[in-house]
Amino acid sequence: MNNSKISLVVFGATGSVGTSVLDICEKFPDVFSVYALVAQKNEEKLVALGRKFGAKVLCLTAPNNGKFSCDGFVTLTGQKA
């Protein structure tokens, strides 16, 4: 049996569905790992979730000031990111 984790990219991470997905990841950390998180513009919550779940990549599709960067993560912006 393969013991590797399922690596996820969670779109809408700061919304209700994304939060539900992350709740499942939290309950089953031996099964799921979070590779990347995507949100529209809630930078503060996205960064907090990234730190909590150990994500490598964070993406804001519509950042408030048009820019987004955060130490410790690969950061992407825009809908084509």
Protein backbone atom coordinates (compact mmCIF):
# COMPACT_ATOMS: atom_id res chain seq x y z
CA MET A 1 0.00 0.00 0.00
CA ASN A 2 1.27 3.50 -0.86
CA ASN A 3 1.75 5.61 2.28
CA SER A 4 2.21 8.98 0.57
CA LYS A 5 -0.11 11.84 1.39
CA ILE A 6 -2.57 13.37 -1.03
CA SER A 7 -1.29 16.86 -1.86
CA LEU A 8 -4.01 19.46 -2.39
CA VAL A 9 -4.46 22.86 -3.97
CA VAL A 10 -7.48 24.51 -2.34
CA PHE A 11 -9.30 27.11 -4.43
CA GLY A 12 -11.53 29.49 -2.48
CA ALA A 13 -9.54 28.69 0.65
CA THR A 14 -10.96 31.59 2.66
CA GLY A 15 -14.60 30.87 1.80
CA SER A 16 -17.03 28.37 3.25
CA VAL A 17 -16.25 25.44 0.93
CA GLY A 18 -12.49 25.98 1.16
CA THR A 19 -12.73 26.18 4.94
CA SER A 20 -14.63 22.89 4.97
CA VAL A 21 -11.94 21.23 2.86
CA LEU A 22 -9.25 22.54 5.21
CA ASP A 23 -11.21 21.24 8.22
CA ILE A 24 -11.00 17.77 6.68
CA CYS A 25 -7.26 18.22 6.07
CA GLU A 26 -6.85 19.18 9.71
CA LYS A 27 -8.75 16.09 10.88
CA PHE A 28 -6.70 13.76 8.66
CA PRO A 29 -3.14 15.17 8.57
CA ASP A 30 -1.71 11.74 7.83
CA VAL A 31 -3.79 11.57 4.63
CA PHE A 32 -3.73 15.14 3.24
CA SER A 33 -1.13 17.84 2.82
CA VAL A 34 -1.85 21.35 1.56
CA TYR A 35 0.50 22.43 -1.24
CA ALA A 36 -1.19 25.66 -2.32
CA LEU A 37 -4.04 27.93 -1.30
CA VAL A 38 -5.98 30.28 -3.57
CA ALA A 39 -8.30 33.12 -2.58
CA GLN A 40 -9.75 36.18 -4.25
CA LYS A 41 -8.54 39.01 -1.99
CA ASN A 42 -8.49 38.11 1.72
CA GLU A 43 -4.71 38.33 2.13
CA GLU A 44 -4.61 38.21 5.93
CA LYS A 45 -6.70 35.05 6.20
CA LEU A 46 -4.87 33.39 3.30
CA VAL A 47 -1.47 33.95 4.90
CA ALA A 48 -2.73 32.68 8.27
CA LEU A 49 -4.08 29.52 6.61
CA GLY A 50 -0.84 29.10 4.67
CA ARG A 51 1.14 29.16 7.90
CA LYS A 52 -1.28 26.86 9.70
CA PHE A 53 -1.28 24.21 6.98
CA GLY A 54 2.32 24.55 5.79
CA ALA A 55 1.41 25.55 2.24
CA LYS A 56 4.24 26.30 -0.18
CA VAL A 57 2.28 28.52 -2.60
CA LEU A 58 -0.31 31.26 -1.98
CA CYS A 59 -2.31 32.96 -4.72
CA LEU A 60 -4.61 35.96 -4.62
CA THR A 61 -6.61 36.37 -7.81
CA ALA A 62 -7.71 39.96 -7.06
CA PRO A 63 -5.38 41.48 -4.45
CA ASN A 64 -6.57 44.78 -2.99
CA ASN A 65 -3.58 46.82 -4.15
CA GLY A 66 -2.72 44.69 -7.17
CA LYS A 67 0.35 43.24 -5.44
CA PHE A 68 0.93 40.38 -3.05
CA SER A 69 4.07 38.99 -1.47
CA CYS A 70 4.80 37.19 1.77
CA ASP A 71 8.05 35.82 3.14
CA GLY A 72 8.18 32.05 3.30
CA PHE A 73 5.82 31.42 0.38
CA VAL A 74 5.85 31.45 -3.37
CA THR A 75 3.20 34.08 -4.09
CA LEU A 76 1.13 34.51 -7.24
CA THR A 77 -1.44 37.09 -8.28
CA GLY A 78 -4.08 37.44 -10.95
CA GLN A 79 -6.59 35.10 -12.51
CA LYS A 80 -4.02 33.58 -14.85
CA ALA A 81 -1.61 32.75 -12.02
